[in-house]
């Protein structure tokens, strides 16, 4: 679960990092550039990135949609991870 939260946080902050890189590369880094930043568009782009990230993560996740969940358990001294059968 923490992996999902970290991934989504990075995806949300990605437009802000790209804007900061743009300011750095164009040598416009000063306080007024951040005050005049297009915050609305950066937030909207971050939310779109998060939405796309959720969609991609749900498509890539190869867990079956139906079945019975078998929790993690010990078998022969080794931990068998939980799975859906």
PDB file of N, CA and C in Angstrom:
ATOM      1  N   UNK A   1       0.818  -1.192   0.000  1.00  0.00           N
ATOM      2  CA  UNK A   1       0.000   0.000   0.000  1.00  0.00           C
ATOM      3  C   UNK A   1       0.864   1.260   0.000  1.00  0.00           C
ATOM      4  N   UNK A   2       1.973   1.197   0.741  1.00  0.00           N
ATOM      5  CA  UNK A   2       2.848   2.368   0.795  1.00  0.00           C
ATOM      6  C   UNK A   2       3.471   2.626  -0.576  1.00  0.00           C
ATOM      7  N   UNK A   3       3.699   1.555  -1.351  1.00  0.00           N
ATOM      8  CA  UNK A   3       4.254   1.707  -2.695  1.00  0.00           C
ATOM      9  C   UNK A   3       3.294   2.499  -3.572  1.00  0.00           C
ATOM     10  N   UNK A   4       2.014   2.221  -3.452  1.00  0.00           N
ATOM     11  CA  UNK A   4       1.005   2.936  -4.242  1.00  0.00           C
ATOM     12  C   UNK A   4       0.979   4.412  -3.845  1.00  0.00           C
ATOM     13  N   UNK A   5       1.029   4.692  -2.558  1.00  0.00           N
ATOM     14  CA  UNK A   5       0.999   6.080  -2.090  1.00  0.00           C
ATOM     15  C   UNK A   5       2.232   6.854  -2.544  1.00  0.00           C
ATOM     16  N   UNK A   6       3.387   6.229  -2.446  1.00  0.00           N
ATOM     17  CA  UNK A   6       4.621   6.897  -2.876  1.00  0.00           C
ATOM     18  C   UNK A   6       4.594   7.135  -4.385  1.00  0.00           C
ATOM     19  N   UNK A   7       4.138   6.141  -5.138  1.00  0.00           N
ATOM     20  CA  UNK A   7       4.054   6.284  -6.592  1.00  0.00           C
ATOM     21  C   UNK A   7       3.119   7.432  -6.968  1.00  0.00           C
ATOM     22  N   UNK A   8       1.965   7.496  -6.328  1.00  0.00           N
ATOM     23  CA  UNK A   8       1.007   8.553  -6.640  1.00  0.00           C
ATOM     24  C   UNK A   8       1.528   9.929  -6.215  1.00  0.00           C
ATOM     25  N   UNK A   9       2.238  10.000  -5.102  1.00  0.00           N
ATOM     26  CA  UNK A   9       2.818  11.273  -4.668  1.00  0.00           C
ATOM     27  C   UNK A   9       3.857  11.757  -5.671  1.00  0.00           C
ATOM     28  N   UNK A  10       4.685  10.844  -6.167  1.00  0.00           N
ATOM     29  CA  UNK A  10       5.694  11.214  -7.167  1.00  0.00           C
ATOM     30  C   UNK A  10       5.016  11.667  -8.452  1.00  0.00           C
ATOM     31  N   UNK A  11       3.971  10.943  -8.875  1.00  0.00           N
ATOM     32  CA  UNK A  11       3.262  11.331 -10.094  1.00  0.00           C
ATOM     33  C   UNK A  11       2.602  12.699  -9.941  1.00  0.00           C
ATOM     34  N   UNK A  12       2.061  12.988  -8.753  1.00  0.00           N
ATOM     35  CA  UNK A  12       1.434  14.298  -8.533  1.00  0.00           C
ATOM     36  C   UNK A  12       2.471  15.417  -8.556  1.00  0.00           C
ATOM     37  N   UNK A  13       3.641  15.169  -7.984  1.00  0.00           N
ATOM     38  CA  UNK A  13       4.670  16.206  -7.898  1.00  0.00           C
ATOM     39  C   UNK A  13       5.495  16.339  -9.169  1.00  0.00           C
ATOM     40  N   UNK A  14       5.353  15.416 -10.110  1.00  0.00           N
ATOM     41  CA  UNK A  14       6.141  15.439 -11.339  1.00  0.00           C
ATOM     42  C   UNK A  14       6.007  16.750 -12.125  1.00  0.00           C
ATOM     43  N   UNK A  15       4.813  17.303 -12.328  1.00  0.00           N
ATOM     44  CA  UNK A  15       4.743  18.586 -13.040  1.00  0.00           C
ATOM     45  C   UNK A  15       5.476  19.721 -12.321  1.00  0.00           C
ATOM     46  N   UNK A  16       5.458  19.708 -10.998  1.00  0.00           N
ATOM     47  CA  UNK A  16       6.173  20.738 -10.238  1.00  0.00           C
ATOM     48  C   UNK A  16       7.682  20.588 -10.421  1.00  0.00           C
ATOM     49  N   UNK A  17       8.168  19.342 -10.431  1.00  0.00           N
ATOM     50  CA  UNK A  17       9.596  19.100 -10.669  1.00  0.00           C
ATOM     51  C   UNK A  17       9.986  19.525 -12.081  1.00  0.00           C
ATOM     52  N   UNK A  18       9.127  19.226 -13.055  1.00  0.00           N
ATOM     53  CA  UNK A  18       9.412  19.622 -14.441  1.00  0.00           C
ATOM     54  C   UNK A  18       9.423  21.142 -14.587  1.00  0.00           C
ATOM     55  N   UNK A  19       8.509  21.823 -13.899  1.00  0.00           N
ATOM     56  CA  UNK A  19       8.484  23.287 -13.937  1.00  0.00           C
ATOM     57  C   UNK A  19       9.748  23.853 -13.285  1.00  0.00           C
ATOM     58  N   UNK A  20      10.165  23.254 -12.184  1.00  0.00           N
ATOM     59  CA  UNK A  20      11.396  23.704 -11.524  1.00  0.00           C
ATOM     60  C   UNK A  20      12.599  23.473 -12.437  1.00  0.00           C
ATOM     61  N   UNK A  21      12.630  22.344 -13.142  1.00  0.00           N
ATOM     62  CA  UNK A  21      13.724  22.080 -14.087  1.00  0.00           C
ATOM     63  C   UNK A  21      13.703  23.095 -15.215  1.00  0.00           C
ATOM     64  N   UNK A  22      12.509  23.437 -15.700  1.00  0.00           N
ATOM     65  CA  UNK A  22      12.389  24.461 -16.739  1.00  0.00           C
ATOM     66  C   UNK A  22      12.944  25.798 -16.254  1.00  0.00           C
ATOM     67  N   UNK A  23      12.571  26.203 -15.044  1.00  0.00           N
ATOM     68  CA  UNK A  23      13.080  27.462 -14.495  1.00  0.00           C
ATOM     69  C   UNK A  23      14.591  27.423 -14.331  1.00  0.00           C
ATOM     70  N   UNK A  24      15.099  26.274 -13.902  1.00  0.00           N
ATOM     71  CA  UNK A  24      16.544  26.143 -13.701  1.00  0.00           C
ATOM     72  C   UNK A  24      17.286  26.227 -15.033  1.00  0.00           C
ATOM     73  N   UNK A  25      16.765  25.538 -16.054  1.00  0.00           N
ATOM     74  CA  UNK A  25      17.449  25.513 -17.347  1.00  0.00           C
ATOM     75  C   UNK A  25      17.357  26.845 -18.082  1.00  0.00           C
ATOM     76  N   UNK A  26      16.314  27.616 -17.833  1.00  0.00           N
ATOM     77  CA  UNK A  26      16.197  28.920 -18.485  1.00  0.00           C
ATOM     78  C   UNK A  26      16.739  30.043 -17.608  1.00  0.00           C
ATOM     79  N   UNK A  27      17.357  29.691 -16.511  1.00  0.00           N
ATOM     80  CA  UNK A  27      17.976  30.652 -15.587  1.00  0.00           C
ATOM     81  C   UNK A  27      16.980  31.693 -15.067  1.00  0.00           C
ATOM     82  N   UNK A  28      15.737  31.267 -14.852  1.00  0.00           N
ATOM     83  CA  UNK A  28      14.705  32.165 -14.333  1.00  0.00           C
ATOM     84  C   UNK A  28      14.364  31.847 -12.885  1.00  0.00           C
ATOM     85  N   UNK A  29      15.286  31.228 -12.175  1.00  0.00           N
ATOM     86  CA  UNK A  29      14.993  30.855 -10.799  1.00  0.00           C
ATOM     87  C   UNK A  29      15.113  32.085  -9.903  1.00  0.00           C
ATOM     88  N   UNK A  30      13.975  32.573  -9.481  1.00  0.00           N
ATOM     89  CA  UNK A  30      13.895  33.627  -8.482  1.00  0.00           C
ATOM     90  C   UNK A  30      12.515  33.544  -7.849  1.00  0.00           C
ATOM     91  N   UNK A  31      12.333  34.241  -6.779  1.00  0.00           N
ATOM     92  CA  UNK A  31      11.097  34.118  -6.003  1.00  0.00           C
ATOM     93  C   UNK A  31       9.864  34.486  -6.829  1.00  0.00           C
ATOM     94  N   UNK A  32       9.968  35.501  -7.657  1.00  0.00           N
ATOM     95  CA  UNK A  32       8.812  35.948  -8.440  1.00  0.00           C
ATOM     96  C   UNK A  32       8.363  34.882  -9.435  1.00  0.00           C
ATOM     97  N   UNK A  33       9.272  34.070  -9.942  1.00  0.00           N
ATOM     98  CA  UNK A  33       8.901  33.013 -10.882  1.00  0.00           C
ATOM     99  C   UNK A  33       8.009  31.980 -10.202  1.00  0.00           C
ATOM    100  N   UNK A  34       8.276  31.708  -8.927  1.00  0.00           N
ATOM    101  CA  UNK A  34       7.426  30.757  -8.203  1.00  0.00           C
ATOM    102  C   UNK A  34       6.107  31.388  -7.776  1.00  0.00           C
ATOM    103  N   UNK A  35       6.112  32.685  -7.513  1.00  0.00           N
ATOM    104  CA  UNK A  35       4.862  33.364  -7.163  1.00  0.00           C
ATOM    105  C   UNK A  35       3.936  33.391  -8.375  1.00  0.00           C
ATOM    106  N   UNK A  36       4.501  33.615  -9.557  1.00  0.00           N
ATOM    107  CA  UNK A  36       3.717  33.686 -10.794  1.00  0.00           C
ATOM    108  C   UNK A  36       3.539  32.321 -11.453  1.00  0.00           C
ATOM    109  N   UNK A  37       3.895  31.264 -10.765  1.00  0.00           N
ATOM    110  CA  UNK A  37       3.814  29.916 -11.345  1.00  0.00           C
ATOM    111  C   UNK A  37       2.361  29.577 -11.690  1.00  0.00           C
ATOM    112  N   UNK A  38       2.171  28.823 -12.763  1.00  0.00           N
ATOM    113  CA  UNK A  38       0.805  28.404 -13.134  1.00  0.00           C
ATOM    114  C   UNK A  38       0.343  27.257 -12.241  1.00  0.00           C
ATOM    115  N   UNK A  39       0.100  27.571 -10.970  1.00  0.00           N
ATOM    116  CA  UNK A  39      -0.219  26.536  -9.989  1.00  0.00           C
ATOM    117  C   UNK A  39      -1.447  25.727 -10.361  1.00  0.00           C
ATOM    118  N   UNK A  40      -2.474  26.382 -10.895  1.00  0.00           N
ATOM    119  CA  UNK A  40      -3.687  25.658 -11.270  1.00  0.00           C
ATOM    120  C   UNK A  40      -3.357  24.568 -12.282  1.00  0.00           C
ATOM    121  N   UNK A  41      -2.593  24.911 -13.306  1.00  0.00           N
ATOM    122  CA  UNK A  41      -2.269  23.939 -14.346  1.00  0.00           C
ATOM    123  C   UNK A  41      -1.311  22.870 -13.839  1.00  0.00           C
ATOM    124  N   UNK A  42      -0.434  23.228 -12.935  1.00  0.00           N
ATOM    125  CA  UNK A  42       0.469  22.225 -12.355  1.00  0.00           C
ATOM    126  C   UNK A  42      -0.322  21.222 -11.518  1.00  0.00           C
ATOM    127  N   UNK A  43      -1.286  21.702 -10.738  1.00  0.00           N
ATOM    128  CA  UNK A  43      -2.122  20.807  -9.929  1.00  0.00           C
ATOM    129  C   UNK A  43      -2.982  19.929 -10.829  1.00  0.00           C
ATOM    130  N   UNK A  44      -3.579  20.514 -11.863  1.00  0.00           N
ATOM    131  CA  UNK A  44      -4.411  19.729 -12.784  1.00  0.00           C
ATOM    132  C   UNK A  44      -3.578  18.661 -13.495  1.00  0.00           C
ATOM    133  N   UNK A  45      -2.376  19.030 -13.928  1.00  0.00           N
ATOM    134  CA  UNK A  45      -1.501  18.055 -14.582  1.00  0.00           C
ATOM    135  C   UNK A  45      -1.116  16.947 -13.601  1.00  0.00           C
ATOM    136  N   UNK A  46      -0.852  17.306 -12.346  1.00  0.00           N
ATOM    137  CA  UNK A  46      -0.536  16.299 -11.332  1.00  0.00           C
ATOM    138  C   UNK A  46      -1.689  15.344 -11.099  1.00  0.00           C
ATOM    139  N   UNK A  47      -2.908  15.873 -11.068  1.00  0.00           N
ATOM    140  CA  UNK A  47      -4.077  15.009 -10.881  1.00  0.00           C
ATOM    141  C   UNK A  47      -4.288  14.092 -12.086  1.00  0.00           C
ATOM    142  N   UNK A  48      -4.048  14.603 -13.280  1.00  0.00           N
ATOM    143  CA  UNK A  48      -4.157  13.759 -14.480  1.00  0.00           C
ATOM    144  C   UNK A  48      -3.104  12.656 -14.438  1.00  0.00           C
ATOM    145  N   UNK A  49      -1.875  13.000 -14.050  1.00  0.00           N
ATOM    146  CA  UNK A  49      -0.828  11.984 -13.933  1.00  0.00           C
ATOM    147  C   UNK A  49      -1.217  10.917 -12.921  1.00  0.00           C
ATOM    148  N   UNK A  50      -1.813  11.332 -11.794  1.00  0.00           N
ATOM    149  CA  UNK A  50      -2.258  10.367 -10.778  1.00  0.00           C
ATOM    150  C   UNK A  50      -3.337   9.456 -11.333  1.00  0.00           C
ATOM    151  N   UNK A  51      -4.293  10.027 -12.039  1.00  0.00           N
ATOM    152  CA  UNK A  51      -5.365   9.234 -12.622  1.00  0.00           C
ATOM    153  C   UNK A  51      -4.814   8.222 -13.628  1.00  0.00           C
ATOM    154  N   UNK A  52      -3.929   8.666 -14.490  1.00  0.00           N
ATOM    155  CA  UNK A  52      -3.301   7.758 -15.458  1.00  0.00           C
ATOM    156  C   UNK A  52      -2.487   6.691 -14.727  1.00  0.00           C
ATOM    157  N   UNK A  53      -1.817   7.074 -13.654  1.00  0.00           N
ATOM    158  CA  UNK A  53      -1.057   6.102 -12.865  1.00  0.00           C
ATOM    159  C   UNK A  53      -1.943   5.031 -12.261  1.00  0.00           C
ATOM    160  N   UNK A  54      -3.107   5.432 -11.729  1.00  0.00           N
ATOM    161  CA  UNK A  54      -4.045   4.452 -11.176  1.00  0.00           C
ATOM    162  C   UNK A  54      -4.543   3.499 -12.256  1.00  0.00           C
ATOM    163  N   UNK A  55      -4.848   4.035 -13.426  1.00  0.00           N
ATOM    164  CA  UNK A  55      -5.333   3.189 -14.524  1.00  0.00           C
ATOM    165  C   UNK A  55      -4.254   2.208 -14.948  1.00  0.00           C
ATOM    166  N   UNK A  56      -3.037   2.681 -15.122  1.00  0.00           N
ATOM    167  CA  UNK A  56      -1.939   1.801 -15.531  1.00  0.00           C
ATOM    168  C   UNK A  56      -1.670   0.740 -14.477  1.00  0.00           C
ATOM    169  N   UNK A  57      -1.696   1.124 -13.197  1.00  0.00           N
ATOM    170  CA  UNK A  57      -1.449   0.152 -12.135  1.00  0.00           C
ATOM    171  C   UNK A  57      -2.543  -0.905 -12.089  1.00  0.00           C
ATOM    172  N   UNK A  58      -3.791  -0.523 -12.388  1.00  0.00           N
ATOM    173  CA  UNK A  58      -4.869  -1.516 -12.373  1.00  0.00           C
ATOM    174  C   UNK A  58      -4.775  -2.451 -13.570  1.00  0.00           C
ATOM    175  N   UNK A  59      -4.296  -1.962 -14.702  1.00  0.00           N
ATOM    176  CA  UNK A  59      -4.152  -2.803 -15.891  1.00  0.00           C
ATOM    177  C   UNK A  59      -2.960  -3.746 -15.731  1.00  0.00           C
ATOM    178  N   UNK A  60      -1.877  -3.246 -15.183  1.00  0.00           N
ATOM    179  CA  UNK A  60      -0.660  -4.045 -15.033  1.00  0.00           C
ATOM    180  C   UNK A  60      -0.823  -5.102 -13.949  1.00  0.00           C
ATOM    181  N   UNK A  61      -1.630  -4.814 -12.923  1.00  0.00           N
ATOM    182  CA  UNK A  61      -1.852  -5.761 -11.839  1.00  0.00           C
ATOM    183  C   UNK A  61      -2.510  -7.007 -12.411  1.00  0.00           C
ATOM    184  N   UNK A  62      -1.860  -8.147 -12.283  1.00  0.00           N
ATOM    185  CA  UNK A  62      -2.351  -9.368 -12.923  1.00  0.00           C
ATOM    186  C   UNK A  62      -3.101 -10.284 -11.957  1.00  0.00           C
ATOM    187  N   UNK A  63      -3.655  -9.744 -10.886  1.00  0.00           N
ATOM    188  CA  UNK A  63      -4.449 -10.564  -9.973  1.00  0.00           C
ATOM    189  C   UNK A  63      -5.809 -10.850 -10.595  1.00  0.00           C
ATOM    190  N   UNK A  64      -6.301 -12.066 -10.447  1.00  0.00           N
ATOM    191  CA  UNK A  64      -7.624 -12.366 -11.000  1.00  0.00           C
ATOM    192  C   UNK A  64      -8.709 -11.579 -10.262  1.00  0.00           C
ATOM    193  N   UNK A  65      -9.793 -11.305 -10.982  1.00  0.00           N
ATOM    194  CA  UNK A  65     -10.873 -10.509 -10.388  1.00  0.00           C
ATOM    195  C   UNK A  65     -11.800 -11.326  -9.510  1.00  0.00           C
ATOM    196  N   UNK A  66     -11.813 -12.639  -9.700  1.00  0.00           N
ATOM    197  CA  UNK A  66     -12.672 -13.480  -8.871  1.00  0.00           C
ATOM    198  C   UNK A  66     -11.853 -14.634  -8.314  1.00  0.00           C
ATOM    199  N   UNK A  67     -12.334 -15.226  -7.266  1.00  0.00           N
ATOM    200  CA  UNK A  67     -11.635 -16.334  -6.639  1.00  0.00           C
ATOM    201  C   UNK A  67     -11.657 -16.197  -5.137  1.00  0.00           C
ATOM    202  N   UNK A  68     -10.940 -17.088  -4.482  1.00  0.00           N
ATOM    203  CA  UNK A  68     -10.874 -17.105  -3.030  1.00  0.00           C
ATOM    204  C   UNK A  68      -9.471 -16.691  -2.606  1.00  0.00           C
ATOM    205  N   UNK A  69      -9.397 -15.733  -1.697  1.00  0.00           N
ATOM    206  CA  UNK A  69      -8.104 -15.268  -1.205  1.00  0.00           C
ATOM    207  C   UNK A  69      -7.573 -16.236  -0.162  1.00  0.00           C
ATOM    208  N   UNK A  70      -6.340 -16.675  -0.349  1.00  0.00           N
ATOM    209  CA  UNK A  70      -5.658 -17.530   0.621  1.00  0.00           C
ATOM    210  C   UNK A  70      -4.569 -16.669   1.246  1.00  0.00           C
ATOM    211  N   UNK A  71      -4.667 -16.363   2.556  1.00  0.00           N
ATOM    212  CA  UNK A  71      -3.680 -15.482   3.182  1.00  0.00           C
ATOM    213  C   UNK A  71      -2.303 -16.144   3.267  1.00  0.00           C
ATOM    214  N   UNK A  72      -1.301 -15.334   3.532  1.00  0.00           N
ATOM    215  CA  UNK A  72       0.061 -15.848   3.691  1.00  0.00           C
ATOM    216  C   UNK A  72       0.094 -16.837   4.846  1.00  0.00           C
ATOM    217  N   UNK A  73       0.889 -17.891   4.669  1.00  0.00           N
ATOM    218  CA  UNK A  73       0.978 -18.908   5.712  1.00  0.00           C
ATOM    219  C   UNK A  73       2.332 -19.612   5.619  1.00  0.00           C
ATOM    220  N   UNK A  74       2.654 -20.392   6.681  1.00  0.00           N
ATOM    221  CA  UNK A  74       3.893 -21.161   6.711  1.00  0.00           C
ATOM    222  C   UNK A  74       3.646 -22.532   6.104  1.00  0.00           C
ATOM    223  N   UNK A  75       4.590 -22.961   5.275  1.00  0.00           N
ATOM    224  CA  UNK A  75       4.529 -24.295   4.695  1.00  0.00           C
ATOM    225  C   UNK A  75       5.950 -24.837   4.641  1.00  0.00           C
ATOM    226  N   UNK A  76       6.219 -25.865   5.420  1.00  0.00           N
ATOM    227  CA  UNK A  76       7.574 -26.435   5.439  1.00  0.00           C
ATOM    228  C   UNK A  76       8.627 -25.469   5.931  1.00  0.00           C
ATOM    229  N   UNK A  77       8.272 -24.591   6.863  1.00  0.00           N
ATOM    230  CA  UNK A  77       9.245 -23.655   7.424  1.00  0.00           C
ATOM    231  C   UNK A  77       9.460 -22.411   6.573  1.00  0.00           C
ATOM    232  N   UNK A  78       8.740 -22.281   5.465  1.00  0.00           N
ATOM    233  CA  UNK A  78       8.876 -21.106   4.601  1.00  0.00           C
ATOM    234  C   UNK A  78       7.534 -20.374   4.520  1.00  0.00           C
ATOM    235  N   UNK A  79       7.621 -19.068   4.327  1.00  0.00           N
ATOM    236  CA  UNK A  79       6.420 -18.261   4.211  1.00  0.00           C
ATOM    237  C   UNK A  79       5.935 -18.313   2.760  1.00  0.00           C
ATOM    238  N   UNK A  80       4.688 -18.719   2.604  1.00  0.00           N
ATOM    239  CA  UNK A  80       4.059 -18.733   1.289  1.00  0.00           C
ATOM    240  C   UNK A  80       3.215 -17.465   1.196  1.00  0.00           C
ATOM    241  N   UNK A  81       3.478 -16.589   0.220  1.00  0.00           N
ATOM    242  CA  UNK A  81       2.726 -15.336   0.143  1.00  0.00           C
ATOM    243  C   UNK A  81       1.255 -15.566  -0.137  1.00  0.00           C
ATOM    244  N   UNK A  82       0.441 -14.613   0.260  1.00  0.00           N
ATOM    245  CA  UNK A  82      -0.992 -14.699   0.001  1.00  0.00           C
ATOM    246  C   UNK A  82      -1.270 -14.649  -1.493  1.00  0.00           C
ATOM    247  N   UNK A  83      -2.343 -15.302  -1.885  1.00  0.00           N
ATOM    248  CA  UNK A  83      -2.701 -15.336  -3.297  1.00  0.00           C
ATOM    249  C   UNK A  83      -4.201 -15.548  -3.468  1.00  0.00           C
ATOM    250  N   UNK A  84      -4.670 -15.334  -4.674  1.00  0.00           N
ATOM    251  CA  UNK A  84      -6.073 -15.571  -4.989  1.00  0.00           C
ATOM    252  C   UNK A  84      -6.148 -16.826  -5.839  1.00  0.00           C
ATOM    253  N   UNK A  85      -6.948 -17.797  -5.380  1.00  0.00           N
ATOM    254  CA  UNK A  85      -7.086 -19.056  -6.118  1.00  0.00           C
ATOM    255  C   UNK A  85      -8.480 -19.138  -6.705  1.00  0.00           C
TER     256      UNK A  85
END
